[in-house]
Amino acid sequence: MNKYFVLFVALFLAGATYTSRPVQKNWQFTSTDILDQLDPLSGKWEVVTPPKLNQPLLSQSVKYADFPKVLLKDRDYYDFEVKTKLYISSESADTQAGGLILRYRNLYSFYMLFVNVKDKRITLTRASLGGFKPLKRVNSNFVPDRWYELKARCYLDQIQAFVDGETFLTVEDDTSTGGKIGLVTAGTSRVYFDSLSVQSETVEIAK
């Protein structure tokens, strides 16, 4: 059950009044200082300055067939909107995909939202004890070596995905309704992340 709903009910029964206001947090990957705010689950995450992009960016460099993941050392998010700016390079000929981690509880409960420029599709995948299950795939003419803005909106049991402001998919799934957010790449993909931001609601009790 959504924790904000529980809080609303408790406040209502107590006769209290409350206000809800949006809260936005932003993380920039321009300095190695950001690494202290990250929790790498797999892979080697570092701030690098690729010559062709000429700016410091977050990237993952370990080459093995897995899903290198890094979480923000931040609170759990329930209903929220998160976005990142990512550059998927053609440096790796095998895989070219990266994206967002959503509602991470543990290694067996989270979602991955991938932009795959090699296979030209966007995919929402759910992780569980039974493994990874693609919930929805949408084909599109994604290309490597350019910037994309990837955004996910999670509200109750609905997850929506946007690329450069365009809606690409909507999925209803209530397996996980809250958890941490983060970033992910696929296998040997070379992906550069410029930033990450999240907007959510906070509830304040009126005095």
C-alpha atoms as a PDB file:
ATOM      1  CA  MET A   1       0.000   0.000   0.000  1.00  0.00           C
ATOM      2  CA  ASN A   2       1.252   3.488  -0.835  1.00  0.00           C
ATOM      3  CA  LYS A   3       2.728   5.082   2.290  1.00  0.00           C
ATOM      4  CA  TYR A   4       1.309   8.503   1.379  1.00  0.00           C
ATOM      5  CA  PHE A   5      -2.205   7.050   1.307  1.00  0.00           C
ATOM      6  CA  VAL A   6      -1.674   5.587   4.779  1.00  0.00           C
ATOM      7  CA  LEU A   7      -0.427   8.957   6.012  1.00  0.00           C
ATOM      8  CA  PHE A   8      -3.415  10.779   4.499  1.00  0.00           C
ATOM      9  CA  VAL A   9      -5.811   8.397   6.283  1.00  0.00           C
ATOM     10  CA  ALA A  10      -3.998   8.833   9.595  1.00  0.00           C
ATOM     11  CA  LEU A  11      -4.111  12.607   9.318  1.00  0.00           C
ATOM     12  CA  PHE A  12      -7.776  12.538   8.360  1.00  0.00           C
ATOM     13  CA  LEU A  13      -8.711  10.376  11.332  1.00  0.00           C
ATOM     14  CA  ALA A  14      -6.702  12.621  13.648  1.00  0.00           C
ATOM     15  CA  GLY A  15      -8.497  15.691  12.359  1.00  0.00           C
ATOM     16  CA  ALA A  16      -5.236  17.264  11.173  1.00  0.00           C
ATOM     17  CA  THR A  17      -4.824  19.356   8.067  1.00  0.00           C
ATOM     18  CA  TYR A  18      -1.993  18.902   5.640  1.00  0.00           C
ATOM     19  CA  THR A  19      -0.510  20.342   2.497  1.00  0.00           C
ATOM     20  CA  SER A  20       1.225  18.495  -0.299  1.00  0.00           C
ATOM     21  CA  ARG A  21       4.025  20.174  -2.206  1.00  0.00           C
ATOM     22  CA  PRO A  22       6.343  19.026  -4.986  1.00  0.00           C
ATOM     23  CA  VAL A  23       9.983  18.426  -4.137  1.00  0.00           C
ATOM     24  CA  GLN A  24      12.697  18.194  -6.781  1.00  0.00           C
ATOM     25  CA  LYS A  25      16.221  16.869  -6.280  1.00  0.00           C
ATOM     26  CA  ASN A  26      19.026  17.038  -8.831  1.00  0.00           C
ATOM     27  CA  TRP A  27      22.336  15.240  -9.152  1.00  0.00           C
ATOM     28  CA  GLN A  28      25.027  16.472 -11.536  1.00  0.00           C
ATOM     29  CA  PHE A  29      27.863  14.152 -12.550  1.00  0.00           C
ATOM     30  CA  THR A  30      30.463  16.851 -13.094  1.00  0.00           C
ATOM     31  CA  SER A  31      32.796  15.936 -10.220  1.00  0.00           C
ATOM     32  CA  THR A  32      34.081  12.839  -8.434  1.00  0.00           C
ATOM     33  CA  ASP A  33      32.335  14.179  -5.300  1.00  0.00           C
ATOM     34  CA  ILE A  34      29.103  12.660  -6.646  1.00  0.00           C
ATOM     35  CA  LEU A  35      30.538   9.154  -6.134  1.00  0.00           C
ATOM     36  CA  ASP A  36      29.983   9.497  -2.366  1.00  0.00           C
ATOM     37  CA  GLN A  37      26.245   9.759  -3.054  1.00  0.00           C
ATOM     38  CA  LEU A  38      26.143   6.601  -5.168  1.00  0.00           C
ATOM     39  CA  ASP A  39      25.777   2.961  -4.183  1.00  0.00           C
ATOM     40  CA  PRO A  40      27.256   0.753  -6.950  1.00  0.00           C
ATOM     41  CA  LEU A  41      25.574  -2.656  -7.013  1.00  0.00           C
ATOM     42  CA  SER A  42      27.706  -3.976  -9.872  1.00  0.00           C
ATOM     43  CA  GLY A  43      30.254  -2.689 -12.340  1.00  0.00           C
ATOM     44  CA  LYS A  44      32.788   0.100 -11.908  1.00  0.00           C
ATOM     45  CA  TRP A  45      31.195   3.545 -11.958  1.00  0.00           C
ATOM     46  CA  GLU A  46      33.385   6.612 -12.366  1.00  0.00           C
ATOM     47  CA  VAL A  47      33.359  10.200 -13.559  1.00  0.00           C
ATOM     48  CA  VAL A  48      35.228  10.462 -16.861  1.00  0.00           C
ATOM     49  CA  THR A  49      35.728  13.070 -19.569  1.00  0.00           C
ATOM     50  CA  PRO A  50      35.474  11.423 -22.987  1.00  0.00           C
ATOM     51  CA  PRO A  51      37.423  13.375 -25.639  1.00  0.00           C
ATOM     52  CA  LYS A  52      34.541  13.440 -28.111  1.00  0.00           C
ATOM     53  CA  LEU A  53      32.136  14.915 -25.542  1.00  0.00           C
ATOM     54  CA  ASN A  54      34.632  17.121 -23.686  1.00  0.00           C
ATOM     55  CA  GLN A  55      32.764  17.220 -20.375  1.00  0.00           C
ATOM     56  CA  PRO A  56      32.798  15.169 -17.155  1.00  0.00           C
ATOM     57  CA  LEU A  57      30.152  12.423 -17.165  1.00  0.00           C
ATOM     58  CA  LEU A  58      29.228   9.338 -15.165  1.00  0.00           C
ATOM     59  CA  SER A  59      30.004   6.041 -16.882  1.00  0.00           C
ATOM     60  CA  GLN A  60      30.552   2.336 -16.208  1.00  0.00           C
ATOM     61  CA  SER A  61      33.709   0.610 -17.463  1.00  0.00           C
ATOM     62  CA  VAL A  62      33.711  -3.060 -16.424  1.00  0.00           C
ATOM     63  CA  LYS A  63      33.181  -5.306 -19.443  1.00  0.00           C
ATOM     64  CA  TYR A  64      31.093  -8.373 -18.713  1.00  0.00           C
ATOM     65  CA  ALA A  65      27.674  -9.656 -19.737  1.00  0.00           C
ATOM     66  CA  ASP A  66      25.547  -8.387 -16.907  1.00  0.00           C
ATOM     67  CA  PHE A  67      23.507  -5.336 -15.976  1.00  0.00           C
ATOM     68  CA  PRO A  68      25.868  -2.962 -14.124  1.00  0.00           C
ATOM     69  CA  LYS A  69      23.724  -0.924 -11.737  1.00  0.00           C
ATOM     70  CA  VAL A  70      24.214   2.050  -9.431  1.00  0.00           C
ATOM     71  CA  LEU A  71      21.679   3.487  -6.973  1.00  0.00           C
ATOM     72  CA  LEU A  72      21.341   6.911  -5.428  1.00  0.00           C
ATOM     73  CA  LYS A  73      21.980   6.837  -1.670  1.00  0.00           C
ATOM     74  CA  ASP A  74      18.672   8.548  -1.164  1.00  0.00           C
ATOM     75  CA  ARG A  75      15.283   7.691   0.264  1.00  0.00           C
ATOM     76  CA  ASP A  76      12.731   5.361  -1.267  1.00  0.00           C
ATOM     77  CA  TYR A  77      10.367   6.934  -3.783  1.00  0.00           C
ATOM     78  CA  TYR A  78       6.769   5.865  -4.333  1.00  0.00           C
ATOM     79  CA  ASP A  79       4.928   8.221  -6.685  1.00  0.00           C
ATOM     80  CA  PHE A  80       7.536  10.205  -8.587  1.00  0.00           C
ATOM     81  CA  GLU A  81       8.995  11.359 -11.885  1.00  0.00           C
ATOM     82  CA  VAL A  82      12.655  10.705 -12.643  1.00  0.00           C
ATOM     83  CA  LYS A  83      14.732  11.632 -15.664  1.00  0.00           C
ATOM     84  CA  THR A  84      18.278  11.382 -16.888  1.00  0.00           C
ATOM     85  CA  LYS A  85      20.249  12.632 -19.835  1.00  0.00           C
ATOM     86  CA  LEU A  86      22.301   9.873 -21.457  1.00  0.00           C
ATOM     87  CA  TYR A  87      24.612   9.396 -24.412  1.00  0.00           C
ATOM     88  CA  ILE A  88      24.808   5.841 -25.765  1.00  0.00           C
ATOM     89  CA  SER A  89      28.072   5.408 -27.615  1.00  0.00           C
ATOM     90  CA  SER A  90      28.837   3.186 -30.602  1.00  0.00           C
ATOM     91  CA  GLU A  91      32.189   2.261 -28.975  1.00  0.00           C
ATOM     92  CA  SER A  92      30.833  -1.190 -28.110  1.00  0.00           C
ATOM     93  CA  ALA A  93      29.750  -3.205 -31.131  1.00  0.00           C
ATOM     94  CA  ASP A  94      28.027  -5.883 -29.016  1.00  0.00           C
ATOM     95  CA  THR A  95      25.544  -3.940 -26.879  1.00  0.00           C
ATOM     96  CA  GLN A  96      24.413  -0.308 -26.856  1.00  0.00           C
ATOM     97  CA  ALA A  97      21.839   0.195 -24.117  1.00  0.00           C
ATOM     98  CA  GLY A  98      21.367   2.126 -20.902  1.00  0.00           C
ATOM     99  CA  GLY A  99      18.683   3.628 -18.743  1.00  0.00           C
ATOM    100  CA  LEU A 100      16.994   3.890 -15.361  1.00  0.00           C
ATOM    101  CA  ILE A 101      16.465   1.704 -12.297  1.00  0.00           C
ATOM    102  CA  LEU A 102      13.011   2.200 -10.769  1.00  0.00           C
ATOM    103  CA  ARG A 103      11.525   1.181  -7.403  1.00  0.00           C
ATOM    104  CA  TYR A 104      14.515  -0.906  -6.327  1.00  0.00           C
ATOM    105  CA  ARG A 105      13.824  -3.020  -3.224  1.00  0.00           C
ATOM    106  CA  ASN A 106      16.463  -5.717  -3.560  1.00  0.00           C
ATOM    107  CA  LEU A 107      18.166  -7.794  -6.252  1.00  0.00           C
ATOM    108  CA  TYR A 108      14.866  -9.576  -6.921  1.00  0.00           C
ATOM    109  CA  SER A 109      12.460  -6.643  -6.910  1.00  0.00           C
ATOM    110  CA  PHE A 110      12.941  -3.661  -9.220  1.00  0.00           C
ATOM    111  CA  TYR A 111      12.323  -2.354 -12.737  1.00  0.00           C
ATOM    112  CA  MET A 112      14.774  -1.461 -15.519  1.00  0.00           C
ATOM    113  CA  LEU A 113      13.898   0.996 -18.271  1.00  0.00           C
ATOM    114  CA  PHE A 114      16.303   0.643 -21.211  1.00  0.00           C
ATOM    115  CA  VAL A 115      16.902   2.601 -24.393  1.00  0.00           C
ATOM    116  CA  ASN A 116      18.589   0.149 -26.756  1.00  0.00           C
ATOM    117  CA  VAL A 117      20.008   1.915 -29.797  1.00  0.00           C
ATOM    118  CA  LYS A 118      21.441  -1.234 -31.376  1.00  0.00           C
ATOM    119  CA  ASP A 119      18.144  -3.125 -31.305  1.00  0.00           C
ATOM    120  CA  LYS A 120      16.228   0.156 -31.782  1.00  0.00           C
ATOM    121  CA  ARG A 121      13.697  -0.205 -28.995  1.00  0.00           C
ATOM    122  CA  ILE A 122      12.791   0.893 -25.484  1.00  0.00           C
ATOM    123  CA  THR A 123      12.002  -1.818 -22.932  1.00  0.00           C
ATOM    124  CA  LEU A 124      10.563  -1.922 -19.416  1.00  0.00           C
ATOM    125  CA  THR A 125      11.762  -5.056 -17.587  1.00  0.00           C
ATOM    126  CA  ARG A 126      10.817  -6.395 -14.148  1.00  0.00           C
ATOM    127  CA  ALA A 127      13.295  -8.277 -11.957  1.00  0.00           C
ATOM    128  CA  SER A 128      11.981 -10.995  -9.630  1.00  0.00           C
ATOM    129  CA  LEU A 129      13.035 -14.282  -8.053  1.00  0.00           C
ATOM    130  CA  GLY A 130      12.110 -15.915 -11.346  1.00  0.00           C
ATOM    131  CA  GLY A 131      14.539 -13.732 -13.310  1.00  0.00           C
ATOM    132  CA  PHE A 132      13.988 -10.830 -15.708  1.00  0.00           C
ATOM    133  CA  LYS A 133      10.666 -10.407 -17.504  1.00  0.00           C
ATOM    134  CA  PRO A 134      10.159  -7.775 -20.231  1.00  0.00           C
ATOM    135  CA  LEU A 135       6.819  -6.088 -19.525  1.00  0.00           C
ATOM    136  CA  LYS A 136       6.682  -4.056 -22.717  1.00  0.00           C
ATOM    137  CA  ARG A 137       8.865  -3.243 -25.715  1.00  0.00           C
ATOM    138  CA  VAL A 138       8.366  -0.478 -28.256  1.00  0.00           C
ATOM    139  CA  ASN A 139      10.435  -0.253 -31.423  1.00  0.00           C
ATOM    140  CA  SER A 140      11.770   3.130 -32.537  1.00  0.00           C
ATOM    141  CA  ASN A 141      14.573   4.483 -34.690  1.00  0.00           C
ATOM    142  CA  PHE A 142      17.055   5.168 -31.885  1.00  0.00           C
ATOM    143  CA  VAL A 143      20.624   5.827 -33.024  1.00  0.00           C
ATOM    144  CA  PRO A 144      23.952   5.811 -31.147  1.00  0.00           C
ATOM    145  CA  ASP A 145      26.284   8.745 -30.521  1.00  0.00           C
ATOM    146  CA  ARG A 146      23.660  11.303 -29.552  1.00  0.00           C
ATOM    147  CA  TRP A 147      22.026  12.570 -26.378  1.00  0.00           C
ATOM    148  CA  TYR A 148      18.600  11.391 -25.196  1.00  0.00           C
ATOM    149  CA  GLU A 149      16.453  12.530 -22.289  1.00  0.00           C
ATOM    150  CA  LEU A 150      14.883   9.465 -20.710  1.00  0.00           C
ATOM    151  CA  LYS A 151      12.057  10.000 -18.228  1.00  0.00           C
ATOM    152  CA  ALA A 152       9.876   7.649 -16.195  1.00  0.00           C
ATOM    153  CA  ARG A 153       6.708   8.558 -14.325  1.00  0.00           C
ATOM    154  CA  CYS A 154       5.640   6.134 -11.588  1.00  0.00           C
ATOM    155  CA  TYR A 155       2.230   6.592  -9.987  1.00  0.00           C
ATOM    156  CA  LEU A 156       0.539   3.830  -7.979  1.00  0.00           C
ATOM    157  CA  ASP A 157       0.693   0.743 -10.248  1.00  0.00           C
ATOM    158  CA  GLN A 158       1.395   2.663 -13.464  1.00  0.00           C
ATOM    159  CA  ILE A 159       4.776   3.265 -15.078  1.00  0.00           C
ATOM    160  CA  GLN A 160       5.133   5.537 -18.101  1.00  0.00           C
ATOM    161  CA  ALA A 161       8.247   6.094 -20.184  1.00  0.00           C
ATOM    162  CA  PHE A 162       9.192   9.152 -22.233  1.00  0.00           C
ATOM    163  CA  VAL A 163      12.096   9.873 -24.573  1.00  0.00           C
ATOM    164  CA  ASP A 164      12.791  13.494 -25.457  1.00  0.00           C
ATOM    165  CA  GLY A 165       9.326  14.416 -24.199  1.00  0.00           C
ATOM    166  CA  GLU A 166       7.466  11.833 -26.291  1.00  0.00           C
ATOM    167  CA  THR A 167       5.426   9.096 -24.571  1.00  0.00           C
ATOM    168  CA  PHE A 168       6.656   5.647 -25.603  1.00  0.00           C
ATOM    169  CA  LEU A 169       4.993   3.163 -23.264  1.00  0.00           C
ATOM    170  CA  THR A 170       2.584   2.784 -20.357  1.00  0.00           C
ATOM    171  CA  VAL A 171       2.483  -0.322 -18.167  1.00  0.00           C
ATOM    172  CA  GLU A 172       0.367  -1.277 -15.159  1.00  0.00           C
ATOM    173  CA  ASP A 173       2.200  -3.525 -12.699  1.00  0.00           C
ATOM    174  CA  ASP A 174       1.913  -3.510  -8.903  1.00  0.00           C
ATOM    175  CA  THR A 175       4.767  -5.900  -8.099  1.00  0.00           C
ATOM    176  CA  SER A 176       6.798  -3.070  -6.581  1.00  0.00           C
ATOM    177  CA  THR A 177       5.228   0.267  -5.689  1.00  0.00           C
ATOM    178  CA  GLY A 178       8.232   1.925  -4.081  1.00  0.00           C
ATOM    179  CA  GLY A 179      11.998   1.815  -3.753  1.00  0.00           C
ATOM    180  CA  LYS A 180      15.230   3.522  -4.713  1.00  0.00           C
ATOM    181  CA  ILE A 181      16.162   4.974  -8.086  1.00  0.00           C
ATOM    182  CA  GLY A 182      19.353   4.555 -10.084  1.00  0.00           C
ATOM    183  CA  LEU A 183      21.060   3.974 -13.414  1.00  0.00           C
ATOM    184  CA  VAL A 184      21.852   0.849 -15.409  1.00  0.00           C
ATOM    185  CA  THR A 185      23.711  -0.236 -18.531  1.00  0.00           C
ATOM    186  CA  ALA A 186      23.650  -3.516 -20.470  1.00  0.00           C
ATOM    187  CA  GLY A 187      26.718  -5.725 -20.805  1.00  0.00           C
ATOM    188  CA  THR A 188      29.639  -3.998 -22.496  1.00  0.00           C
ATOM    189  CA  SER A 189      27.626  -0.892 -23.435  1.00  0.00           C
ATOM    190  CA  ARG A 190      29.489   2.386 -23.139  1.00  0.00           C
ATOM    191  CA  VAL A 191      26.956   4.894 -21.851  1.00  0.00           C
ATOM    192  CA  TYR A 192      27.566   8.381 -20.456  1.00  0.00           C
ATOM    193  CA  PHE A 193      25.141   9.984 -17.998  1.00  0.00           C
ATOM    194  CA  ASP A 194      25.026  13.747 -17.641  1.00  0.00           C
ATOM    195  CA  SER A 195      22.578  14.139 -14.752  1.00  0.00           C
ATOM    196  CA  LEU A 196      19.677  12.671 -12.824  1.00  0.00           C
ATOM    197  CA  SER A 197      16.693  14.413 -11.278  1.00  0.00           C
ATOM    198  CA  VAL A 198      13.596  13.266  -9.422  1.00  0.00           C
ATOM    199  CA  GLN A 199      10.379  15.060  -8.527  1.00  0.00           C
ATOM    200  CA  SER A 200       7.989  13.733  -5.915  1.00  0.00           C
ATOM    201  CA  GLU A 201       5.431  14.922  -3.391  1.00  0.00           C
ATOM    202  CA  THR A 202       5.975  15.568   0.273  1.00  0.00           C
ATOM    203  CA  VAL A 203       3.250  15.958   2.873  1.00  0.00           C
ATOM    204  CA  GLU A 204       3.456  18.640   5.552  1.00  0.00           C
ATOM    205  CA  ILE A 205       1.149  18.919   8.557  1.00  0.00           C
ATOM    206  CA  ALA A 206      -0.307  22.414   8.880  1.00  0.00           C
ATOM    207  CA  LYS A 207       0.420  24.185  12.165  1.00  0.00           C
END
